PDB file of all heavy atoms in Angstrom:
ATOM      1  N   GLN A   1     100.838 124.301  94.978  1.00  0.00           N
ATOM      2  CA  GLN A   1     101.805 124.636  93.933  1.00  0.00           C
ATOM      3  C   GLN A   1     103.223 124.722  94.506  1.00  0.00           C
ATOM      4  O   GLN A   1     104.086 125.376  93.936  1.00  0.00           O
ATOM      5  CB  GLN A   1     101.435 125.968  93.276  1.00  0.00           C
ATOM      6  CG  GLN A   1     100.073 125.960  92.612  1.00  0.00           C
ATOM      7  CD  GLN A   1      99.722 127.302  92.000  1.00  0.00           C
ATOM      8  OE1 GLN A   1     100.240 128.354  92.409  1.00  0.00           O
ATOM      9  NE2 GLN A   1      98.846 127.287  91.021  1.00  0.00           N
ATOM     10  N   LEU A   2     103.455 124.049  95.610  1.00  0.00           N
ATOM     11  CA  LEU A   2     104.749 124.162  96.269  1.00  0.00           C
ATOM     12  C   LEU A   2     105.860 123.503  95.453  1.00  0.00           C
ATOM     13  O   LEU A   2     106.968 124.040  95.354  1.00  0.00           O
ATOM     14  CB  LEU A   2     104.691 123.545  97.665  1.00  0.00           C
ATOM     15  CG  LEU A   2     103.694 124.167  98.648  1.00  0.00           C
ATOM     16  CD1 LEU A   2     103.829 123.512 100.018  1.00  0.00           C
ATOM     17  CD2 LEU A   2     103.873 125.679  98.750  1.00  0.00           C
ATOM     18  N   MET A   3     105.580 122.348  94.874  1.00  0.00           N
ATOM     19  CA  MET A   3     106.633 121.630  94.153  1.00  0.00           C
ATOM     20  C   MET A   3     107.059 122.369  92.891  1.00  0.00           C
ATOM     21  O   MET A   3     108.224 122.312  92.485  1.00  0.00           O
ATOM     22  CB  MET A   3     106.173 120.220  93.814  1.00  0.00           C
ATOM     23  CG  MET A   3     105.853 119.359  95.033  1.00  0.00           C
ATOM     24  SD  MET A   3     107.283 118.994  96.077  1.00  0.00           S
ATOM     25  CE  MET A   3     108.012 117.617  95.192  1.00  0.00           C
ATOM     26  N   SER A   4     106.132 123.067  92.261  1.00  0.00           N
ATOM     27  CA  SER A   4     106.437 123.842  91.049  1.00  0.00           C
ATOM     28  C   SER A   4     106.812 125.275  91.373  1.00  0.00           C
ATOM     29  O   SER A   4     107.150 126.044  90.451  1.00  0.00           O
ATOM     30  CB  SER A   4     105.230 123.855  90.119  1.00  0.00           C
ATOM     31  OG  SER A   4     104.168 124.631  90.676  1.00  0.00           O
ATOM     32  N   ALA A   5     106.724 125.655  92.653  1.00  0.00           N
ATOM     33  CA  ALA A   5     106.899 127.049  93.079  1.00  0.00           C
ATOM     34  C   ALA A   5     105.911 127.974  92.384  1.00  0.00           C
ATOM     35  O   ALA A   5     106.151 129.179  92.276  1.00  0.00           O
ATOM     36  CB  ALA A   5     108.337 127.518  92.864  1.00  0.00           C
ATOM     37  N   GLY A   6     104.808 127.426  91.894  1.00  0.00           N
ATOM     38  CA  GLY A   6     103.796 128.234  91.239  1.00  0.00           C
ATOM     39  C   GLY A   6     104.161 128.688  89.841  1.00  0.00           C
ATOM     40  O   GLY A   6     103.515 129.582  89.296  1.00  0.00           O
ATOM     41  N   LEU A   7     105.164 128.070  89.243  1.00  0.00           N
ATOM     42  CA  LEU A   7     105.630 128.434  87.905  1.00  0.00           C
ATOM     43  C   LEU A   7     105.042 127.462  86.881  1.00  0.00           C
ATOM     44  O   LEU A   7     105.260 126.251  86.958  1.00  0.00           O
ATOM     45  CB  LEU A   7     107.150 128.410  87.849  1.00  0.00           C
ATOM     46  CG  LEU A   7     107.843 129.388  88.823  1.00  0.00           C
ATOM     47  CD1 LEU A   7     109.331 129.135  88.867  1.00  0.00           C
ATOM     48  CD2 LEU A   7     107.546 130.828  88.422  1.00  0.00           C
ATOM     49  N   ALA A   8     104.318 127.990  85.905  1.00  0.00           N
ATOM     50  CA  ALA A   8     103.576 127.161  84.966  1.00  0.00           C
ATOM     51  C   ALA A   8     104.433 126.129  84.219  1.00  0.00           C
ATOM     52  O   ALA A   8     103.991 124.990  84.039  1.00  0.00           O
ATOM     53  CB  ALA A   8     102.822 128.049  83.969  1.00  0.00           C
ATOM     54  N   PRO A   9     105.650 126.450  83.778  1.00  0.00           N
ATOM     55  CA  PRO A   9     106.434 125.436  83.056  1.00  0.00           C
ATOM     56  C   PRO A   9     106.780 124.211  83.905  1.00  0.00           C
ATOM     57  O   PRO A   9     107.122 123.164  83.360  1.00  0.00           O
ATOM     58  CB  PRO A   9     107.703 126.188  82.648  1.00  0.00           C
ATOM     59  CG  PRO A   9     107.307 127.625  82.638  1.00  0.00           C
ATOM     60  CD  PRO A   9     106.331 127.759  83.764  1.00  0.00           C
ATOM     61  N   TYR A  10     106.675 124.347  85.239  1.00  0.00           N
ATOM     62  CA  TYR A  10     107.016 123.258  86.151  1.00  0.00           C
ATOM     63  C   TYR A  10     105.779 122.606  86.766  1.00  0.00           C
ATOM     64  O   TYR A  10     105.889 121.814  87.696  1.00  0.00           O
ATOM     65  CB  TYR A  10     107.915 123.782  87.276  1.00  0.00           C
ATOM     66  CG  TYR A  10     109.257 124.304  86.825  1.00  0.00           C
ATOM     67  CD1 TYR A  10     109.422 125.643  86.485  1.00  0.00           C
ATOM     68  CD2 TYR A  10     110.362 123.461  86.741  1.00  0.00           C
ATOM     69  CE1 TYR A  10     110.651 126.128  86.076  1.00  0.00           C
ATOM     70  CE2 TYR A  10     111.597 123.940  86.338  1.00  0.00           C
ATOM     71  CZ  TYR A  10     111.734 125.278  86.007  1.00  0.00           C
ATOM     72  OH  TYR A  10     112.962 125.759  85.598  1.00  0.00           O
ATOM     73  N   ALA A  11     104.593 122.915  86.255  1.00  0.00           N
ATOM     74  CA  ALA A  11     103.344 122.518  86.911  1.00  0.00           C
ATOM     75  C   ALA A  11     103.221 121.016  87.105  1.00  0.00           C
ATOM     76  O   ALA A  11     102.581 120.552  88.061  1.00  0.00           O
ATOM     77  CB  ALA A  11     102.152 123.042  86.114  1.00  0.00           C
ATOM     78  N   VAL A  12     103.839 120.225  86.234  1.00  0.00           N
ATOM     79  CA  VAL A  12     103.745 118.775  86.357  1.00  0.00           C
ATOM     80  C   VAL A  12     104.314 118.290  87.687  1.00  0.00           C
ATOM     81  O   VAL A  12     103.914 117.234  88.202  1.00  0.00           O
ATOM     82  CB  VAL A  12     104.458 118.095  85.163  1.00  0.00           C
ATOM     83  CG1 VAL A  12     105.961 118.312  85.218  1.00  0.00           C
ATOM     84  CG2 VAL A  12     104.150 116.605  85.104  1.00  0.00           C
ATOM     85  N   LEU A  13     105.213 119.063  88.294  1.00  0.00           N
ATOM     86  CA  LEU A  13     105.827 118.657  89.561  1.00  0.00           C
ATOM     87  C   LEU A  13     104.814 118.618  90.699  1.00  0.00           C
ATOM     88  O   LEU A  13     105.037 117.926  91.697  1.00  0.00           O
ATOM     89  CB  LEU A  13     106.969 119.605  89.936  1.00  0.00           C
ATOM     90  CG  LEU A  13     108.126 119.730  88.951  1.00  0.00           C
ATOM     91  CD1 LEU A  13     109.158 120.716  89.479  1.00  0.00           C
ATOM     92  CD2 LEU A  13     108.760 118.380  88.672  1.00  0.00           C
ATOM     93  N   ASP A  14     103.734 119.355  90.575  1.00  0.00           N
ATOM     94  CA  ASP A  14     102.729 119.380  91.631  1.00  0.00           C
ATOM     95  C   ASP A  14     101.859 118.133  91.654  1.00  0.00           C
ATOM     96  O   ASP A  14     101.181 117.877  92.656  1.00  0.00           O
ATOM     97  CB  ASP A  14     101.821 120.610  91.471  1.00  0.00           C
ATOM     98  CG  ASP A  14     102.559 121.905  91.728  1.00  0.00           C
ATOM     99  OD1 ASP A  14     103.335 121.955  92.708  1.00  0.00           O
ATOM    100  OD2 ASP A  14     102.361 122.860  90.952  1.00  0.00           O
ATOM    101  N   GLU A  15     101.880 117.367  90.590  1.00  0.00           N
ATOM    102  CA  GLU A  15     101.042 116.175  90.527  1.00  0.00           C
ATOM    103  C   GLU A  15     101.617 115.078  91.433  1.00  0.00           C
ATOM    104  O   GLU A  15     102.834 114.878  91.488  1.00  0.00           O
ATOM    105  CB  GLU A  15     100.930 115.667  89.095  1.00  0.00           C
ATOM    106  CG  GLU A  15     100.277 116.673  88.156  1.00  0.00           C
ATOM    107  CD  GLU A  15      98.879 117.050  88.612  1.00  0.00           C
ATOM    108  OE1 GLU A  15      98.145 116.162  89.104  1.00  0.00           O
ATOM    109  OE2 GLU A  15      98.515 118.241  88.501  1.00  0.00           O
ATOM    110  N   PRO A  16     100.752 114.342  92.147  1.00  0.00           N
ATOM    111  CA  PRO A  16     101.248 113.300  93.055  1.00  0.00           C
ATOM    112  C   PRO A  16     102.012 112.175  92.359  1.00  0.00           C
ATOM    113  O   PRO A  16     102.846 111.515  92.979  1.00  0.00           O
ATOM    114  CB  PRO A  16      99.964 112.769  93.701  1.00  0.00           C
ATOM    115  CG  PRO A  16      98.993 113.895  93.582  1.00  0.00           C
ATOM    116  CD  PRO A  16      99.304 114.561  92.276  1.00  0.00           C
ATOM    117  N   THR A  17     101.726 111.948  91.076  1.00  0.00           N
ATOM    118  CA  THR A  17     102.469 110.962  90.289  1.00  0.00           C
ATOM    119  C   THR A  17     102.924 111.624  88.997  1.00  0.00           C
ATOM    120  O   THR A  17     102.482 112.717  88.641  1.00  0.00           O
ATOM    121  CB  THR A  17     101.609 109.741  89.931  1.00  0.00           C
ATOM    122  OG1 THR A  17     100.517 110.163  89.086  1.00  0.00           O
ATOM    123  CG2 THR A  17     101.048 109.076  91.185  1.00  0.00           C
ATOM    124  N   ARG A  18     103.792 110.939  88.260  1.00  0.00           N
ATOM    125  CA  ARG A  18     104.127 111.418  86.932  1.00  0.00           C
ATOM    126  C   ARG A  18     102.883 111.343  86.046  1.00  0.00           C
ATOM    127  O   ARG A  18     101.933 110.614  86.361  1.00  0.00           O
ATOM    128  CB  ARG A  18     105.280 110.587  86.360  1.00  0.00           C
ATOM    129  CG  ARG A  18     106.575 110.796  87.143  1.00  0.00           C
ATOM    130  CD  ARG A  18     107.767 110.099  86.542  1.00  0.00           C
ATOM    131  NE  ARG A  18     107.733 108.654  86.703  1.00  0.00           N
ATOM    132  CZ  ARG A  18     108.782 107.842  86.519  1.00  0.00           C
ATOM    133  NH1 ARG A  18     109.949 108.366  86.142  1.00  0.00           N
ATOM    134  NH2 ARG A  18     108.680 106.547  86.690  1.00  0.00           N
ATOM    135  N   PRO A  19     102.855 112.070  84.939  1.00  0.00           N
ATOM    136  CA  PRO A  19     101.629 112.120  84.127  1.00  0.00           C
ATOM    137  C   PRO A  19     101.119 110.759  83.653  1.00  0.00           C
ATOM    138  O   PRO A  19      99.912 110.602  83.432  1.00  0.00           O
ATOM    139  CB  PRO A  19     102.031 112.998  82.941  1.00  0.00           C
ATOM    140  CG  PRO A  19     103.077 113.906  83.502  1.00  0.00           C
ATOM    141  CD  PRO A  19     103.850 113.048  84.467  1.00  0.00           C
ATOM    142  N   ASP A  20     102.008 109.773  83.520  1.00  0.00           N
ATOM    143  CA  ASP A  20     101.543 108.450  83.082  1.00  0.00           C
ATOM    144  C   ASP A  20     101.065 107.587  84.248  1.00  0.00           C
ATOM    145  O   ASP A  20     100.740 106.413  84.068  1.00  0.00           O
ATOM    146  CB  ASP A  20     102.629 107.721  82.299  1.00  0.00           C
ATOM    147  CG  ASP A  20     103.857 107.373  83.138  1.00  0.00           C
ATOM    148  OD1 ASP A  20     103.917 107.770  84.335  1.00  0.00           O
ATOM    149  OD2 ASP A  20     104.772 106.700  82.611  1.00  0.00           O
ATOM    150  N   GLY A  21     101.019 108.152  85.445  1.00  0.00           N
ATOM    151  CA  GLY A  21     100.521 107.428  86.607  1.00  0.00           C
ATOM    152  C   GLY A  21     101.574 106.681  87.391  1.00  0.00           C
ATOM    153  O   GLY A  21     101.271 106.135  88.460  1.00  0.00           O
ATOM    154  N   THR A  22     102.814 106.640  86.917  1.00  0.00           N
ATOM    155  CA  THR A  22     103.876 105.964  87.655  1.00  0.00           C
ATOM    156  C   THR A  22     104.405 106.874  88.768  1.00  0.00           C
ATOM    157  O   THR A  22     104.348 108.102  88.661  1.00  0.00           O
ATOM    158  CB  THR A  22     105.035 105.562  86.727  1.00  0.00           C
ATOM    159  OG1 THR A  22     105.541 106.740  86.077  1.00  0.00           O
ATOM    160  CG2 THR A  22     104.560 104.560  85.687  1.00  0.00           C
ATOM    161  N   PRO A  23     104.914 106.288  89.854  1.00  0.00           N
ATOM    162  CA  PRO A  23     105.379 107.119  90.973  1.00  0.00           C
ATOM    163  C   PRO A  23     106.604 107.948  90.590  1.00  0.00           C
ATOM    164  O   PRO A  23     107.430 107.532  89.761  1.00  0.00           O
ATOM    165  CB  PRO A  23     105.739 106.089  92.055  1.00  0.00           C
ATOM    166  CG  PRO A  23     105.074 104.824  91.637  1.00  0.00           C
ATOM    167  CD  PRO A  23     105.003 104.850  90.150  1.00  0.00           C
ATOM    168  N   TRP A  24     106.720 109.112  91.193  1.00  0.00           N
ATOM    169  CA  TRP A  24     107.973 109.850  91.094  1.00  0.00           C
ATOM    170  C   TRP A  24     109.078 109.039  91.770  1.00  0.00           C
ATOM    171  O   TRP A  24     108.859 108.452  92.824  1.00  0.00           O
ATOM    172  CB  TRP A  24     107.845 111.202  91.783  1.00  0.00           C
ATOM    173  CG  TRP A  24     106.957 112.173  91.067  1.00  0.00           C
ATOM    174  CD1 TRP A  24     105.681 112.505  91.409  1.00  0.00           C
ATOM    175  CD2 TRP A  24     107.273 112.928  89.900  1.00  0.00           C
ATOM    176  NE1 TRP A  24     105.179 113.430  90.524  1.00  0.00           N
ATOM    177  CE2 TRP A  24     106.142 113.713  89.587  1.00  0.00           C
ATOM    178  CE3 TRP A  24     108.409 113.033  89.088  1.00  0.00           C
ATOM    179  CZ2 TRP A  24     106.107 114.582  88.489  1.00  0.00           C
ATOM    180  CZ3 TRP A  24     108.378 113.899  88.001  1.00  0.00           C
ATOM    181  CH2 TRP A  24     107.246 114.657  87.709  1.00  0.00           C
ATOM    182  N   PRO A  25     110.264 108.946  91.174  1.00  0.00           N
ATOM    183  CA  PRO A  25     111.356 108.216  91.826  1.00  0.00           C
ATOM    184  C   PRO A  25     111.637 108.777  93.211  1.00  0.00           C
ATOM    185  O   PRO A  25     111.601 109.993  93.429  1.00  0.00           O
ATOM    186  CB  PRO A  25     112.537 108.433  90.882  1.00  0.00           C
ATOM    187  CG  PRO A  25     111.914 108.710  89.551  1.00  0.00           C
ATOM    188  CD  PRO A  25     110.663 109.470  89.854  1.00  0.00           C
ATOM    189  N   ALA A  26     111.905 107.890  94.156  1.00  0.00           N
ATOM    190  CA  ALA A  26     112.162 108.292  95.539  1.00  0.00           C
ATOM    191  C   ALA A  26     113.435 107.612  96.032  1.00  0.00           C
ATOM    192  O   ALA A  26     113.642 106.415  95.795  1.00  0.00           O
ATOM    193  CB  ALA A  26     110.982 107.925  96.437  1.00  0.00           C
ATOM    194  N   MET A  27     114.253 108.351  96.739  1.00  0.00           N
ATOM    195  CA  MET A  27     115.488 107.810  97.302  1.00  0.00           C
ATOM    196  C   MET A  27     115.173 107.070  98.596  1.00  0.00           C
ATOM    197  O   MET A  27     114.448 107.570  99.458  1.00  0.00           O
ATOM    198  CB  MET A  27     116.480 108.929  97.571  1.00  0.00           C
ATOM    199  CG  MET A  27     117.782 108.469  98.193  1.00  0.00           C
ATOM    200  SD  MET A  27     118.938 109.841  98.421  1.00  0.00           S
ATOM    201  CE  MET A  27     120.263 108.999  99.302  1.00  0.00           C
ATOM    202  N   ALA A  28     115.734 105.880  98.746  1.00  0.00           N
ATOM    203  CA  ALA A  28     115.571 105.121  99.982  1.00  0.00           C
ATOM    204  C   ALA A  28     116.394 105.762 101.091  1.00  0.00           C
ATOM    205  O   ALA A  28     117.584 106.053 100.915  1.00  0.00           O
ATOM    206  CB  ALA A  28     116.021 103.681  99.766  1.00  0.00           C
ATOM    207  N   VAL A  29     115.764 106.017 102.237  1.00  0.00           N
ATOM    208  CA  VAL A  29     116.432 106.618 103.384  1.00  0.00           C
ATOM    209  C   VAL A  29     116.080 105.820 104.634  1.00  0.00           C
ATOM    210  O   VAL A  29     115.161 104.998 104.629  1.00  0.00           O
ATOM    211  CB  VAL A  29     116.045 108.102 103.560  1.00  0.00           C
ATOM    212  CG1 VAL A  29     116.540 108.937 102.387  1.00  0.00           C
ATOM    213  CG2 VAL A  29     114.540 108.251 103.738  1.00  0.00           C
ATOM    214  N   THR A  30     116.791 106.087 105.731  1.00  0.00           N
ATOM    215  CA  THR A  30     116.628 105.338 106.974  1.00  0.00           C
ATOM    216  C   THR A  30     116.045 106.234 108.061  1.00  0.00           C
ATOM    217  O   THR A  30     116.575 107.319 108.308  1.00  0.00           O
ATOM    218  CB  THR A  30     117.992 104.793 107.440  1.00  0.00           C
ATOM    219  OG1 THR A  30     118.551 103.975 106.408  1.00  0.00           O
ATOM    220  CG2 THR A  30     117.836 103.974 108.710  1.00  0.00           C
ATOM    221  N   PRO A  31     114.984 105.796 108.725  1.00  0.00           N
ATOM    222  CA  PRO A  31     114.463 106.592 109.844  1.00  0.00           C
ATOM    223  C   PRO A  31     115.559 106.835 110.886  1.00  0.00           C
ATOM    224  O   PRO A  31     116.284 105.923 111.274  1.00  0.00           O
ATOM    225  CB  PRO A  31     113.343 105.722 110.411  1.00  0.00           C
ATOM    226  CG  PRO A  31     112.924 104.829 109.288  1.00  0.00           C
ATOM    227  CD  PRO A  31     114.180 104.577 108.498  1.00  0.00           C
ATOM    228  N   GLY A  32     115.692 108.081 111.317  1.00  0.00           N
ATOM    229  CA  GLY A  32     116.708 108.420 112.298  1.00  0.00           C
ATOM    230  C   GLY A  32     118.104 108.555 111.733  1.00  0.00           C
ATOM    231  O   GLY A  32     119.040 108.876 112.483  1.00  0.00           O
ATOM    232  N   GLY A  33     118.255 108.333 110.436  1.00  0.00           N
ATOM    233  CA  GLY A  33     119.569 108.427 109.813  1.00  0.00           C
ATOM    234  C   GLY A  33     119.944 109.859 109.475  1.00  0.00           C
ATOM    235  O   GLY A  33     119.195 110.805 109.708  1.00  0.00           O
ATOM    236  N   THR A  34     121.128 110.013 108.913  1.00  0.00           N
ATOM    237  CA  THR A  34     121.621 111.313 108.485  1.00  0.00           C
ATOM    238  C   THR A  34     121.639 111.355 106.963  1.00  0.00           C
ATOM    239  O   THR A  34     122.154 110.443 106.321  1.00  0.00           O
ATOM    240  CB  THR A  34     123.027 111.583 109.036  1.00  0.00           C
ATOM    241  OG1 THR A  34     122.971 111.539 110.468  1.00  0.00           O
ATOM    242  CG2 THR A  34     123.530 112.946 108.609  1.00  0.00           C
ATOM    243  N   LEU A  35     121.077 112.396 106.403  1.00  0.00           N
ATOM    244  CA  LEU A  35     120.965 112.533 104.953  1.00  0.00           C
ATOM    245  C   LEU A  35     121.802 113.711 104.493  1.00  0.00           C
ATOM    246  O   LEU A  35     121.683 114.815 105.023  1.00  0.00           O
ATOM    247  CB  LEU A  35     119.500 112.752 104.568  1.00  0.00           C
ATOM    248  CG  LEU A  35     119.186 112.930 103.082  1.00  0.00           C
ATOM    249  CD1 LEU A  35     119.524 111.669 102.307  1.00  0.00           C
ATOM    250  CD2 LEU A  35     117.721 113.295 102.887  1.00  0.00           C
ATOM    251  N   GLN A  36     122.667 113.467 103.509  1.00  0.00           N
ATOM    252  CA  GLN A  36     123.427 114.563 102.922  1.00  0.00           C
ATOM    253  C   GLN A  36     122.592 115.241 101.843  1.00  0.00           C
ATOM    254  O   GLN A  36     122.173 114.604 100.886  1.00  0.00           O
ATOM    255  CB  GLN A  36     124.742 114.069 102.309  1.00  0.00           C
ATOM    256  CG  GLN A  36     125.536 115.201 101.653  1.00  0.00           C
ATOM    257  CD  GLN A  36     126.827 114.712 101.027  1.00  0.00           C
ATOM    258  OE1 GLN A  36     127.800 114.427 101.724  1.00  0.00           O
ATOM    259  NE2 GLN A  36     126.844 114.602  99.714  1.00  0.00           N
TER     260      GLN A  36
END
């Protein structure tokens, strides 16, 4: 329950994908790079 912080209104965040099965959007990053 880490992604939802254990709060029921946010429970969908704990699922590995969105409810329709599509991936959660992810930002492209570079190994060894600096992220703001």
